[in-house]
Amino acid sequence: MFRKSSCDRLTLVTLALLLAFGGLTGRLAYLQIARADQYREMAERQRKRMTPLQPKRGSIFDRDGEILAFSRDAYSLYALPYQVRDVDGTASQLSLLLKVPRSEIAEKLRNQKGFVYLRRQLDRDTASAIEKLQLPGVGLEKESKRVYPQECLAAPLIGYVGIDNNGLAGIELQYEDILRGEGGVAEEERDAVGNPIPGVTRVMKEPRDGMDLTLTLDLDIQNKAEAELAAAVEASGAKGGNLVVMDVRSGEILAMATFPGFDANQFATTDPALARNRPVTDAFEPGSVLKVVTAAAAMGEGLVSPGSTVGIPPQLRIGDYTFKDPHEMPSSQLSFSDVIAHSSNLGTITVASRLKPEAQLDYLKRVGCGEPTGIDFPGEARGLVPPPERWTATTGATLAIGQGISVTTLQLTGILACVGNRGVMVRPHLFKEAVDPHSGERIVWEREERTVLEPELCESLIGILEQVVHHGTATRAATGLYNVAGKTGTAMKPDPRGRGYLKSYIGTFAGIAPSEDPRLAVVVTLDEPETIYGGICAAPCFSAVAEFALQQLKVPPSQEKVNTKDRVRER
């Protein structure tokens, strides 16, 4: 009995072992044959990783090749938290190099995510120091960092990119498709702790670098414009200011300044209000500078000529409002030329009252009021022209003197440029050309223009606007070398609560030079200057910038002096 029982137990054990071995063999066969592809794919995914290859973002240059923006190599520090063996020790070592609290890094390393960035856009030296530590679960990826070598110069215009090198504002955003390029992809093999294995990376798709972009800006003129604008703001006690320099023939923007500005390299900590390119994005009521359009409409409709006599009443009551002149006129009878030269509200309204509303509106629309200029820049304001159904008894009068209507500094520049270009309005632009670094292909700006005023009308307007500088409200706009034509503006600011107007102003001077053969339009606007009159606060800035810019472009001085400084007695 004892021997039989022992045999039975041995048999049972043997059978159990055979069954277990058979089960293991079957399971192994199942895994290695039936599910071999699945586990092979899992192993491949653990060992291999598809890594995006970032293209190099195109550089931005001024018209003479001065660099405004470029990209340089940088590195991203990342971690695979599940592979970090010593969280506290790793955090301590990294905190010394990154100069951030150890607890901040430790918190990220304890995260259960499979991948986490610890820091973006490290410089080469810091990245090399981290690499030497050979920390398990910590790695570096090469990327690029955008650099703006001119810092504050033209920063609101150029804009900036985000942490992933995507354009967020300005030209960087406007031409994102050209500058960004096209990303590639590579297959990497990694070891057990997630570090790339050298020599086994396979590029699946090569990245295509972005195109280099050349702007119409002249960096020397831009620098002068910003310096003079800052000086004008300080001298006048203004809150800020805008300035545009535009070639009247081509529509090229040679300078576009706003003050105060910001450093594009520090955009992440900048007040968003300072980052706006206000000559394009902000509209305001221009005041008397818009009498240029009123004069064009009155003469274009045959109601007056420059020599026509206009009676200047003591005041005008229209609807519920009484209009007055801001200062005493030299006479109660003025030529129409002197009405504009001395910026008489009463004389202008008297003439404008003979205009049909549809004609007045037509001329405003012709020169681009209420419509975007079409400049290649994001966020352009269109300004506002009240539609006919919203006109009141005073609308025609207020529009004639530039109130109750809003424009941008750029739109004003376009109006003066149109007059200087003998009635041809050219679309303003910042793009000059782009070059493909691979093929050498060049893309150039295609000029767009339309005729909106008669050449003879513009000749008469220029003659009137010369008198503004010769003996009118803008004697301070005169330059030493070139004749100038232009118009001042001193406009009340509307109350944003809709309660009429504030006791604060915008001072403007908008002009063209040389007036006998205009090349440039320059507009200066100052926000809430203590010295409110545009002819005092803005005109000197115009004079300095216009003269410098014309010399920079090698424009010969005016031969026949009409209103240069030696021919004008400053008021």
Protein backbone atom coordinates (compact mmCIF):
# COMPACT_ATOMS: atom_id res chain seq x y z
CA MET A 1 0.00 0.00 0.00
CA PHE A 2 2.80 2.41 0.89
CA ARG A 3 4.66 1.89 -2.38
CA LYS A 4 1.51 2.24 -4.48
CA SER A 5 0.58 5.48 -2.79
CA SER A 6 4.06 6.88 -3.41
CA CYS A 7 3.83 5.97 -7.08
CA ASP A 8 0.47 7.61 -7.41
CA ARG A 9 1.79 10.81 -5.86
CA LEU A 10 4.82 10.78 -8.11
CA THR A 11 2.59 10.27 -11.10
CA LEU A 12 0.36 13.14 -10.06
CA VAL A 13 3.33 15.45 -9.53
CA THR A 14 4.78 14.44 -12.87
CA LEU A 15 1.49 15.04 -14.62
CA ALA A 16 1.15 18.44 -12.92
CA LEU A 17 4.65 19.40 -13.99
CA LEU A 18 3.94 18.26 -17.51
CA LEU A 19 0.73 20.22 -17.62
CA ALA A 20 2.44 23.35 -16.24
CA PHE A 21 5.31 22.98 -18.67
CA GLY A 22 2.83 22.45 -21.49
CA GLY A 23 0.90 25.52 -20.43
CA LEU A 24 4.06 27.62 -20.33
CA THR A 25 5.13 26.24 -23.67
CA GLY A 26 1.73 27.02 -25.14
CA ARG A 27 1.72 30.51 -23.64
CA LEU A 28 5.23 31.14 -24.93
CA ALA A 29 4.26 29.89 -28.36
CA TYR A 30 1.20 32.12 -28.29
CA LEU A 31 3.23 35.18 -27.35
CA GLN A 32 6.06 34.46 -29.76
CA ILE A 33 3.93 33.43 -32.72
CA ALA A 34 0.37 34.69 -32.43
CA ARG A 35 1.21 38.05 -30.77
CA ALA A 36 4.77 38.48 -31.97
CA ASP A 37 3.94 41.47 -34.16
CA GLN A 38 2.16 43.28 -31.35
CA TYR A 39 5.04 42.92 -28.89
CA ARG A 40 7.57 43.77 -31.55
CA GLU A 41 5.71 47.02 -32.13
CA MET A 42 5.64 47.72 -28.38
CA ALA A 43 9.39 47.21 -28.18
CA GLU A 44 9.90 49.45 -31.19
CA ARG A 45 7.82 52.20 -29.58
CA GLN A 46 9.83 51.99 -26.36
CA ARG A 47 13.16 52.03 -28.18
CA LYS A 48 12.34 54.40 -31.04
CA ARG A 49 10.88 57.88 -31.02
CA MET A 50 9.76 60.14 -33.85
CA THR A 51 11.32 63.54 -33.21
CA PRO A 52 10.24 66.70 -35.05
CA LEU A 53 13.04 68.63 -36.78
CA GLN A 54 12.52 72.35 -36.50
CA PRO A 55 13.30 74.54 -39.53
CA LYS A 56 15.40 77.65 -39.09
CA ARG A 57 13.13 80.71 -39.04
CA GLY A 58 14.00 83.28 -41.70
CA SER A 59 15.79 86.46 -40.69
CA ILE A 60 14.34 89.96 -41.09
CA PHE A 61 16.40 92.82 -42.55
CA ASP A 62 15.94 96.51 -43.26
CA ARG A 63 16.21 97.77 -46.86
CA ASP A 64 20.03 98.04 -46.62
CA GLY A 65 20.62 94.60 -45.12
CA GLU A 66 20.79 95.63 -41.44
CA ILE A 67 19.52 92.71 -39.39
CA LEU A 68 16.32 93.23 -37.39
CA ALA A 69 15.57 89.66 -36.26
CA PHE A 70 17.35 86.31 -36.47
CA SER A 71 17.33 82.86 -34.81
CA ARG A 72 20.20 81.25 -32.94
CA ASP A 73 20.66 77.77 -31.48
CA ALA A 74 19.11 77.06 -28.09
CA TYR A 75 18.19 73.96 -26.11
CA SER A 76 15.15 72.63 -24.30
CA LEU A 77 15.66 70.70 -21.07
CA TYR A 78 13.14 67.91 -20.54
CA ALA A 79 12.59 65.00 -18.19
CA LEU A 80 10.96 61.58 -18.31
CA PRO A 81 9.88 61.50 -14.62
CA TYR A 82 9.41 57.71 -14.47
CA GLN A 83 13.10 57.27 -15.33
CA VAL A 84 14.44 59.73 -12.74
CA ARG A 85 16.08 57.67 -9.98
CA ASP A 86 16.78 60.41 -7.43
CA VAL A 87 14.23 63.23 -7.62
CA ASP A 88 15.68 65.39 -4.84
CA GLY A 89 19.28 64.95 -5.95
CA THR A 90 18.43 65.70 -9.59
CA ALA A 91 16.40 68.77 -8.60
CA SER A 92 19.25 70.07 -6.41
CA GLN A 93 21.84 69.80 -9.20
CA LEU A 94 19.59 71.40 -11.81
CA SER A 95 18.46 74.23 -9.55
CA LEU A 96 22.06 75.47 -9.26
CA LEU A 97 22.47 75.67 -13.04
CA LEU A 98 18.98 76.94 -13.86
CA LYS A 99 18.90 79.38 -10.93
CA VAL A 100 15.38 78.35 -9.93
CA PRO A 101 14.12 76.91 -6.61
CA ARG A 102 14.81 73.21 -6.10
CA SER A 103 11.19 72.65 -5.07
CA GLU A 104 9.94 73.95 -8.45
CA ILE A 105 12.00 71.36 -10.34
CA ALA A 106 11.19 68.56 -7.89
CA GLU A 107 7.47 69.19 -8.35
CA LYS A 108 7.81 68.68 -12.11
CA LEU A 109 9.93 65.55 -11.65
CA ARG A 110 7.25 64.00 -9.41
CA ASN A 111 4.68 64.55 -12.12
CA GLN A 112 3.29 61.28 -13.46
CA LYS A 113 3.39 62.46 -17.07
CA GLY A 114 5.71 60.63 -19.42
CA PHE A 115 7.36 63.86 -20.64
CA VAL A 116 7.76 67.31 -19.09
CA TYR A 117 9.73 70.41 -20.05
CA LEU A 118 11.94 71.79 -17.28
CA ARG A 119 13.20 74.84 -19.18
CA ARG A 120 12.99 76.15 -22.75
CA GLN A 121 15.57 78.00 -24.83
CA LEU A 122 18.69 77.45 -22.73
CA ASP A 123 21.99 78.83 -23.98
CA ARG A 124 24.75 76.51 -25.18
CA ASP A 125 26.94 76.85 -22.06
CA THR A 126 24.16 75.95 -19.63
CA ALA A 127 23.07 73.05 -21.83
CA SER A 128 26.65 71.69 -21.96
CA ALA A 129 26.96 71.88 -18.17
CA ILE A 130 23.72 69.92 -17.72
CA GLU A 131 24.75 67.34 -20.30
CA LYS A 132 27.96 66.61 -18.36
CA LEU A 133 25.92 65.66 -15.28
CA GLN A 134 24.52 62.58 -17.10
CA LEU A 135 21.34 62.65 -15.03
CA PRO A 136 19.04 59.62 -15.63
CA GLY A 137 15.69 60.62 -17.12
CA VAL A 138 16.87 64.12 -18.08
CA GLY A 139 17.63 65.13 -21.67
CA LEU A 140 18.19 68.05 -24.04
CA GLU A 141 16.62 68.88 -27.39
CA LYS A 142 18.04 71.38 -29.85
CA GLU A 143 15.75 74.24 -30.86
CA SER A 144 16.18 77.93 -31.71
CA LYS A 145 15.66 81.26 -29.98
CA ARG A 146 14.57 84.47 -31.69
CA VAL A 147 16.85 87.46 -31.13
CA TYR A 148 16.13 91.13 -31.87
CA PRO A 149 19.52 92.86 -32.01
CA GLN A 150 18.01 96.34 -32.35
CA GLU A 151 16.11 95.82 -29.07
CA CYS A 152 13.55 98.66 -28.81
CA LEU A 153 14.11 100.05 -32.31
CA ALA A 154 11.00 99.36 -34.45
CA ALA A 155 9.95 96.67 -31.96
CA PRO A 156 6.15 97.28 -32.21
CA LEU A 157 6.47 97.00 -35.99
CA ILE A 158 8.68 93.90 -36.13
CA GLY A 159 6.71 92.11 -33.42
CA TYR A 160 7.85 88.91 -31.72
CA VAL A 161 7.50 85.12 -31.64
CA GLY A 162 6.34 82.75 -28.91
CA ILE A 163 8.27 80.03 -27.11
CA ASP A 164 7.62 77.64 -30.02
CA ASN A 165 8.94 80.15 -32.56
CA ASN A 166 5.52 81.01 -33.98
CA GLY A 167 4.84 84.64 -34.89
CA LEU A 168 2.55 86.33 -32.36
CA ALA A 169 2.59 90.00 -33.40
CA GLY A 170 3.74 92.49 -36.01
CA ILE A 171 5.68 91.46 -39.10
CA GLU A 172 6.56 88.17 -37.38
CA LEU A 173 2.84 87.33 -37.42
CA GLN A 174 1.98 88.94 -40.76
CA TYR A 175 4.58 86.90 -42.63
CA GLU A 176 4.49 83.75 -40.50
CA ASP A 177 4.04 81.50 -43.55
CA ILE A 178 7.13 82.95 -45.24
CA LEU A 179 9.38 83.12 -42.19
CA ARG A 180 8.45 79.86 -40.43
CA GLY A 181 9.56 77.32 -43.01
CA GLU A 182 8.44 73.67 -42.97
CA GLY A 183 9.29 71.18 -40.24
CA GLY A 184 10.89 67.78 -40.77
CA VAL A 185 10.95 64.56 -38.76
CA ALA A 186 13.61 62.07 -37.63
CA GLU A 187 13.51 58.60 -36.04
CA GLU A 188 15.71 58.20 -32.96
CA GLU A 189 16.63 55.09 -30.97
CA ARG A 190 16.90 55.51 -27.20
CA ASP A 191 18.48 53.43 -24.44
CA ALA A 192 16.79 52.11 -21.31
CA VAL A 193 16.92 55.47 -19.54
CA GLY A 194 15.63 57.42 -22.53
CA ASN A 195 18.87 58.92 -23.82
CA PRO A 196 19.40 59.02 -27.62
CA ILE A 197 21.75 56.35 -28.97
CA PRO A 198 24.39 58.12 -31.10
CA GLY A 199 24.69 57.16 -34.76
CA VAL A 200 21.30 55.55 -35.26
CA THR A 201 19.12 58.61 -35.96
CA ARG A 202 17.35 58.38 -39.31
CA VAL A 203 15.95 61.53 -40.95
CA MET A 204 12.55 60.73 -42.43
CA LYS A 205 11.87 64.23 -43.77
CA GLU A 206 14.32 67.10 -44.03
CA PRO A 207 13.16 70.46 -42.59
CA ARG A 208 12.87 73.39 -44.98
CA ASP A 209 14.15 76.67 -43.58
CA GLY A 210 12.04 79.84 -43.73
CA MET A 211 12.65 82.63 -46.21
CA ASP A 212 14.66 85.71 -45.32
CA LEU A 213 12.53 88.86 -45.40
CA THR A 214 13.67 92.37 -46.36
CA LEU A 215 11.50 95.29 -45.23
CA THR A 216 11.14 98.77 -46.71
CA LEU A 217 12.39 100.29 -43.44
CA ASP A 218 15.52 102.41 -43.43
CA LEU A 219 17.13 101.78 -40.05
CA ASP A 220 18.88 105.17 -39.99
CA ILE A 221 15.63 107.03 -40.68
CA GLN A 222 13.83 104.81 -38.15
CA ASN A 223 16.43 105.62 -35.52
CA LYS A 224 16.14 109.37 -36.20
CA ALA A 225 12.34 109.19 -36.15
CA GLU A 226 12.28 107.42 -32.77
CA ALA A 227 14.83 109.78 -31.23
CA GLU A 228 13.02 112.93 -32.42
CA LEU A 229 9.60 111.56 -31.44
CA ALA A 230 10.83 110.76 -27.92
CA ALA A 231 12.28 114.27 -27.66
CA ALA A 232 9.00 115.82 -28.87
CA VAL A 233 6.98 113.80 -26.34
CA GLU A 234 9.28 114.91 -23.52
CA ALA A 235 9.39 118.56 -24.62
CA SER A 236 5.60 118.81 -24.95
CA GLY A 237 4.73 116.79 -21.86
CA ALA A 238 2.67 114.39 -24.00
CA LYS A 239 1.65 110.90 -22.95
CA GLY A 240 3.04 109.43 -26.17
CA GLY A 241 3.27 109.87 -29.90
CA ASN A 242 3.34 108.30 -33.36
CA LEU A 243 5.30 109.06 -36.50
CA VAL A 244 5.27 107.68 -40.05
CA VAL A 245 7.64 108.36 -42.95
CA MET A 246 6.36 107.15 -46.34
CA ASP A 247 7.65 107.41 -49.91
CA VAL A 248 4.77 109.11 -51.74
CA ARG A 249 5.61 107.45 -55.07
CA SER A 250 6.13 103.83 -54.05
CA GLY A 251 4.13 103.56 -50.82
CA GLU A 252 7.21 102.20 -49.03
CA ILE A 253 7.23 102.82 -45.28
CA LEU A 254 10.71 104.10 -44.44
CA ALA A 255 10.01 104.60 -40.74
CA MET A 256 7.13 103.91 -38.38
CA ALA A 257 7.67 104.94 -34.79
CA THR A 258 5.66 104.91 -31.59
CA PHE A 259 6.63 106.16 -28.16
CA PRO A 260 6.82 104.78 -25.56
CA GLY A 261 7.86 101.41 -26.95
CA PHE A 262 9.36 98.18 -25.61
CA ASP A 263 12.25 95.75 -26.06
CA ALA A 264 11.16 92.88 -28.31
CA ASN A 265 13.57 90.55 -26.48
CA GLN A 266 11.54 91.13 -23.29
CA PHE A 267 8.05 90.91 -24.78
CA ALA A 268 6.87 88.31 -22.25
CA THR A 269 7.12 90.87 -19.43
CA THR A 270 5.91 93.85 -21.47
CA ASP A 271 2.63 95.70 -20.98
CA PRO A 272 0.56 94.69 -24.07
CA ALA A 273 -0.42 98.34 -24.59
CA LEU A 274 3.22 99.21 -25.28
CA ALA A 275 3.53 96.45 -27.87
CA ARG A 276 0.84 97.89 -30.17
CA ASN A 277 2.03 99.46 -33.41
CA ARG A 278 -0.22 102.45 -32.81
CA PRO A 279 0.25 104.30 -36.14
CA VAL A 280 -1.65 101.36 -37.67
CA THR A 281 -3.86 100.01 -34.90
CA ASP A 282 -5.13 103.15 -33.12
CA ALA A 283 -7.61 105.63 -34.58
CA PHE A 284 -8.26 109.16 -33.28
CA GLU A 285 -10.10 112.34 -34.23
CA PRO A 286 -7.56 114.32 -36.31
CA GLY A 287 -8.92 117.85 -36.06
CA SER A 288 -7.82 120.60 -38.45
CA VAL A 289 -5.33 118.47 -40.35
CA LEU A 290 -8.38 117.02 -42.14
CA LYS A 291 -9.09 120.48 -43.60
CA VAL A 292 -6.84 119.23 -46.40
CA VAL A 293 -9.72 116.99 -47.51
CA THR A 294 -12.30 119.75 -47.01
CA ALA A 295 -10.22 122.06 -49.20
CA ALA A 296 -9.89 119.33 -51.84
CA ALA A 297 -13.67 118.82 -51.88
CA ALA A 298 -14.49 122.56 -52.03
CA MET A 299 -12.05 123.26 -54.86
CA GLY A 300 -12.79 119.97 -56.62
CA GLU A 301 -16.49 120.87 -56.69
CA GLY A 302 -15.68 124.33 -58.06
CA LEU A 303 -16.95 126.23 -54.98
CA VAL A 304 -13.72 128.15 -54.33
CA SER A 305 -10.22 128.72 -55.61
CA PRO A 306 -7.12 129.51 -53.51
CA GLY A 307 -7.68 133.27 -54.05
CA SER A 308 -11.43 133.32 -53.32
CA THR A 309 -12.41 135.70 -50.51
CA VAL A 310 -14.14 134.13 -47.51
CA GLY A 311 -15.90 136.15 -44.82
CA ILE A 312 -15.01 135.11 -41.25
CA PRO A 313 -17.96 135.67 -38.88
CA PRO A 314 -17.40 136.16 -35.12
CA GLN A 315 -19.02 132.78 -34.52
CA LEU A 316 -21.40 130.31 -36.14
CA ARG A 317 -24.47 128.77 -34.52
CA ILE A 318 -25.37 125.44 -36.13
CA GLY A 319 -27.95 123.23 -34.51
CA ASP A 320 -27.30 123.25 -30.78
CA TYR A 321 -23.62 124.11 -31.08
CA THR A 322 -21.72 127.38 -31.41
CA PHE A 323 -18.49 127.18 -33.40
CA LYS A 324 -15.58 129.58 -32.82
CA ASP A 325 -12.01 129.99 -33.99
CA PRO A 326 -9.33 128.83 -31.55
CA HIS A 327 -7.35 132.05 -32.05
CA GLU A 328 -7.89 135.49 -33.56
CA MET A 329 -7.73 135.68 -37.35
CA PRO A 330 -5.68 138.44 -39.06
CA SER A 331 -8.79 139.77 -40.80
CA SER A 332 -12.54 139.24 -41.13
CA GLN A 333 -11.97 138.72 -44.86
CA LEU A 334 -9.44 136.01 -45.82
CA SER A 335 -8.48 134.33 -49.04
CA PHE A 336 -9.37 130.65 -49.02
CA SER A 337 -5.63 129.93 -49.00
CA ASP A 338 -5.30 131.93 -45.78
CA VAL A 339 -8.38 130.27 -44.28
CA ILE A 340 -6.40 127.01 -44.42
CA ALA A 341 -3.02 128.62 -43.63
CA HIS A 342 -4.40 130.17 -40.42
CA SER A 343 -6.65 127.15 -39.78
CA SER A 344 -9.88 129.11 -39.41
CA ASN A 345 -12.67 126.81 -38.28
CA LEU A 346 -15.28 129.44 -39.13
CA GLY A 347 -13.93 130.06 -42.63
CA THR A 348 -13.66 126.34 -43.33
CA ILE A 349 -17.19 125.64 -42.10
CA THR A 350 -18.52 128.59 -44.10
CA VAL A 351 -17.10 127.12 -47.30
CA ALA A 352 -18.02 123.53 -46.40
CA SER A 353 -21.65 124.54 -45.78
CA ARG A 354 -21.96 124.98 -49.55
CA LEU A 355 -20.89 121.38 -50.15
CA LYS A 356 -23.57 118.77 -50.69
CA PRO A 357 -23.32 116.07 -47.98
CA GLU A 358 -22.81 113.36 -50.62
CA ALA A 359 -19.89 115.31 -52.13
CA GLN A 360 -18.28 115.84 -48.73
CA LEU A 361 -18.65 112.15 -47.97
CA ASP A 362 -17.35 111.19 -51.42
CA TYR A 363 -14.05 113.04 -50.98
CA LEU A 364 -13.51 111.56 -47.53
CA LYS A 365 -14.04 108.10 -48.97
CA ARG A 366 -11.84 108.80 -52.00
CA VAL A 367 -8.78 109.45 -49.88
CA GLY A 368 -9.38 106.40 -47.70
CA CYS A 369 -11.18 107.67 -44.61
CA GLY A 370 -13.17 104.90 -42.96
CA GLU A 371 -11.36 102.18 -44.89
CA PRO A 372 -8.14 100.30 -44.09
CA THR A 373 -5.15 101.31 -46.18
CA GLY A 374 -4.40 97.66 -46.89
CA ILE A 375 -0.93 97.82 -45.36
CA ASP A 376 0.66 94.43 -44.80
CA PHE A 377 0.36 94.52 -41.03
CA PRO A 378 -2.09 92.72 -38.70
CA GLY A 379 -4.80 94.53 -36.77
CA GLU A 380 -5.14 97.66 -38.90
CA ALA A 381 -7.90 100.00 -37.70
CA ARG A 382 -10.25 101.33 -40.38
CA GLY A 383 -11.23 104.52 -38.60
CA LEU A 384 -14.78 105.83 -38.67
CA VAL A 385 -16.80 108.05 -40.99
CA PRO A 386 -20.39 108.53 -39.77
CA PRO A 387 -22.85 107.07 -42.29
CA PRO A 388 -25.42 109.47 -43.83
CA GLU A 389 -28.27 108.08 -41.75
CA ARG A 390 -26.49 109.16 -38.56
CA TRP A 391 -25.72 112.72 -39.66
CA THR A 392 -27.14 115.52 -37.54
CA ALA A 393 -27.38 119.26 -38.14
CA THR A 394 -23.75 119.70 -37.06
CA THR A 395 -22.15 116.69 -38.78
CA GLY A 396 -21.14 118.48 -41.98
CA ALA A 397 -19.51 121.27 -39.94
CA THR A 398 -17.67 118.96 -37.55
CA LEU A 399 -16.40 116.74 -40.36
CA ALA A 400 -15.10 119.81 -42.19
CA ILE A 401 -12.76 120.57 -39.26
CA GLY A 402 -11.84 116.96 -38.51
CA GLN A 403 -14.05 116.20 -35.49
CA GLY A 404 -16.65 113.45 -35.31
CA ILE A 405 -14.47 111.32 -37.59
CA SER A 406 -11.52 109.07 -36.74
CA VAL A 407 -8.42 108.10 -38.68
CA THR A 408 -5.06 106.46 -38.00
CA THR A 409 -1.68 108.14 -38.32
CA LEU A 410 -1.05 105.89 -41.32
CA GLN A 411 -4.29 106.99 -43.02
CA LEU A 412 -3.28 110.64 -42.58
CA THR A 413 0.09 109.81 -44.11
CA GLY A 414 -1.68 108.21 -47.06
CA ILE A 415 -3.82 111.34 -47.60
CA LEU A 416 -0.77 113.65 -47.68
CA ALA A 417 1.11 111.17 -49.87
CA CYS A 418 -1.80 111.13 -52.31
CA VAL A 419 -1.71 114.92 -52.60
CA GLY A 420 2.06 114.84 -53.05
CA ASN A 421 1.75 112.13 -55.70
CA ARG A 422 -0.59 114.35 -57.73
CA GLY A 423 -3.76 112.44 -56.83
CA VAL A 424 -2.44 108.89 -57.15
CA MET A 425 -2.97 106.87 -53.97
CA VAL A 426 -0.45 104.05 -53.57
CA ARG A 427 -1.02 101.18 -51.17
CA PRO A 428 1.46 101.53 -48.28
CA HIS A 429 3.63 98.51 -47.54
CA LEU A 430 6.46 97.16 -45.38
CA PHE A 431 7.38 94.11 -47.48
CA LYS A 432 10.17 94.70 -49.97
CA GLU A 433 11.30 91.19 -50.92
CA ALA A 434 11.77 87.66 -49.61
CA VAL A 435 14.42 85.14 -50.67
CA ASP A 436 14.17 81.33 -50.52
CA PRO A 437 17.46 80.05 -49.01
CA HIS A 438 17.19 76.77 -50.96
CA SER A 439 16.23 77.83 -54.46
CA GLY A 440 17.25 81.48 -54.42
CA GLU A 441 13.74 82.39 -55.60
CA ARG A 442 12.81 86.02 -54.89
CA ILE A 443 9.36 87.38 -54.12
CA VAL A 444 8.95 91.14 -54.58
CA TRP A 445 6.14 93.53 -53.69
CA GLU A 446 3.63 94.24 -56.45
CA ARG A 447 2.69 97.91 -56.55
CA GLU A 448 -1.01 98.81 -56.19
CA GLU A 449 -2.34 102.28 -56.97
CA ARG A 450 -5.44 104.22 -57.98
CA THR A 451 -6.09 107.81 -59.04
CA VAL A 452 -8.52 109.57 -56.69
CA LEU A 453 -7.85 113.31 -57.23
CA GLU A 454 -7.09 115.46 -60.26
CA PRO A 455 -3.40 116.46 -60.64
CA GLU A 456 -4.33 120.15 -61.05
CA LEU A 457 -6.35 120.04 -57.84
CA CYS A 458 -3.36 118.60 -55.99
CA GLU A 459 -1.09 121.33 -57.38
CA SER A 460 -3.46 123.95 -55.94
CA LEU A 461 -3.61 122.11 -52.61
CA ILE A 462 0.19 121.97 -52.37
CA GLY A 463 0.36 125.71 -53.00
CA ILE A 464 -2.09 126.33 -50.15
CA LEU A 465 -0.26 123.97 -47.79
CA GLU A 466 3.02 125.74 -48.52
CA GLN A 467 1.43 128.88 -47.08
CA VAL A 468 0.63 127.01 -43.84
CA VAL A 469 4.38 126.70 -43.32
CA HIS A 470 5.33 130.08 -44.80
CA HIS A 471 3.14 132.33 -42.65
CA GLY A 472 0.42 130.16 -41.12
CA THR A 473 0.15 127.83 -38.14
CA ALA A 474 3.20 125.70 -38.95
CA THR A 475 6.21 127.96 -39.41
CA ARG A 476 8.14 125.60 -37.11
CA ALA A 477 7.78 122.87 -39.74
CA ALA A 478 10.17 124.68 -42.10
CA THR A 479 13.48 122.95 -42.82
CA GLY A 480 16.82 124.46 -43.73
CA LEU A 481 17.14 122.78 -47.13
CA TYR A 482 13.72 121.82 -48.46
CA ASN A 483 10.39 123.51 -49.12
CA VAL A 484 7.55 121.98 -47.15
CA ALA A 485 3.76 121.75 -47.53
CA GLY A 486 1.54 120.56 -44.72
CA LYS A 487 -1.23 121.11 -42.21
CA THR A 488 -1.51 121.33 -38.45
CA GLY A 489 -4.16 119.71 -36.29
CA THR A 490 -5.24 120.31 -32.69
CA ALA A 491 -8.12 117.97 -31.93
CA MET A 492 -10.19 117.50 -28.81
CA LYS A 493 -10.29 113.91 -27.60
CA PRO A 494 -13.76 112.39 -27.28
CA ASP A 495 -14.89 111.15 -23.88
CA PRO A 496 -14.83 107.30 -24.06
CA ARG A 497 -17.99 107.33 -21.93
CA GLY A 498 -19.84 109.08 -24.75
CA ARG A 499 -20.22 112.37 -22.89
CA GLY A 500 -18.89 114.84 -25.41
CA TYR A 501 -15.22 115.81 -25.38
CA LEU A 502 -12.46 115.82 -22.80
CA LYS A 503 -10.24 118.79 -21.98
CA SER A 504 -7.30 117.03 -23.63
CA TYR A 505 -6.00 117.13 -27.18
CA ILE A 506 -4.01 115.43 -29.90
CA GLY A 507 -1.50 117.67 -31.66
CA THR A 508 -0.57 116.82 -35.26
CA PHE A 509 1.51 117.98 -38.15
CA ALA A 510 1.19 116.20 -41.51
CA GLY A 511 3.37 117.28 -44.39
CA ILE A 512 5.15 116.50 -47.65
CA ALA A 513 8.61 117.52 -48.89
CA PRO A 514 10.14 118.85 -51.02
CA SER A 515 6.87 120.54 -51.90
CA GLU A 516 7.88 121.36 -55.50
CA ASP A 517 8.44 117.64 -56.22
CA PRO A 518 7.27 115.64 -53.20
CA ARG A 519 9.22 112.54 -52.27
CA LEU A 520 8.17 111.92 -48.66
CA ALA A 521 5.06 112.25 -46.53
CA VAL A 522 5.74 112.56 -42.81
CA VAL A 523 3.07 112.68 -40.09
CA VAL A 524 3.66 113.32 -36.37
CA THR A 525 0.90 112.94 -33.77
CA LEU A 526 1.31 113.64 -30.04
CA ASP A 527 -1.17 112.38 -27.46
CA GLU A 528 -2.26 114.91 -24.85
CA PRO A 529 0.63 117.37 -25.11
CA GLU A 530 0.67 120.19 -22.58
CA THR A 531 1.50 122.55 -25.45
CA ILE A 532 -1.55 121.51 -27.41
CA TYR A 533 -1.10 123.15 -30.83
CA GLY A 534 0.22 120.84 -33.53
CA GLY A 535 2.21 123.68 -35.09
CA ILE A 536 4.17 124.07 -31.86
CA CYS A 537 4.47 120.56 -30.43
CA ALA A 538 4.57 118.36 -33.57
CA ALA A 539 5.90 120.57 -36.39
CA PRO A 540 9.53 120.79 -35.13
CA CYS A 541 9.70 116.99 -34.97
CA PHE A 542 8.46 116.83 -38.56
CA SER A 543 11.12 119.33 -39.64
CA ALA A 544 14.01 117.38 -38.12
CA VAL A 545 12.87 113.97 -39.40
CA ALA A 546 11.86 115.10 -42.90
CA GLU A 547 15.13 116.92 -43.52
CA PHE A 548 17.22 114.00 -42.24
CA ALA A 549 15.25 111.46 -44.29
CA LEU A 550 15.52 113.47 -47.52
CA GLN A 551 19.27 113.83 -47.04
CA GLN A 552 19.52 110.11 -46.29
CA LEU A 553 17.81 109.45 -49.63
CA LYS A 554 20.17 111.95 -51.33
CA VAL A 555 17.32 114.19 -52.51
CA PRO A 556 18.78 117.49 -53.80
CA PRO A 557 17.87 120.61 -51.76
CA SER A 558 15.15 122.90 -53.08
CA GLN A 559 16.58 125.36 -55.59
CA GLU A 560 13.87 128.00 -55.42
CA LYS A 561 13.26 128.67 -51.74
CA VAL A 562 9.58 129.17 -50.83
CA ASN A 563 9.32 128.40 -47.13
CA THR A 564 12.68 127.11 -45.92
CA LYS A 565 13.87 128.41 -42.55
CA ASP A 566 15.72 131.33 -44.10
CA ARG A 567 12.46 132.39 -45.78
CA VAL A 568 10.15 131.96 -42.79
CA ARG A 569 9.81 134.02 -39.65
CA GLU A 570 8.96 131.61 -36.86
CA ARG A 571 5.76 132.41 -35.01
